[in-house]
Amino acid sequence: MGRQILLTVEGETPLRDGNWYEVGLVTAEVLKRQKCVEVTLRHGKGEHEGRCHVVQLALPIRPHGITAEFFRACGLEVSEGTTVRPSEVVGRTLEVRFQSDPNGTAVVSAFRGHDQEKPR
């Protein structure tokens, strides 16, 4: 029998509050019972590569809410009266910012398009 290989599970590197992180959109699904769009975001490079986040974005979409901000970051036009197809944004790259909640858990606080100008 061959030599056994053992792998050590390591803790996650903490996300820094206020930093922008590039992520890919893996899934986007409407959950009618919870009245939200559930999206799965995956870091594609750097120290967080492979790390995933499942985020529930409230419905209905309001023009100035975070759900609208998410779809705008994905390149869709979002204004009162327009419609969006969540499945259309799967595979896109965007940037996300996290903030720690009172328990120290990183939660999404903002989205922006990957090609948007970055502040200096």
Foldseek 3Di string as FASTA:
>chain_A
DDDDDDDDDDDADDADAPDKAKWAWADWDQDVVVQWIWTKTAHCDDSRHGPIDIDTGHDDDDCPDQVVQAVVLLVDDDDPPDDDDRRVSHGFMWMWGWDADPVRDTDTDGIHHPPDDDDD
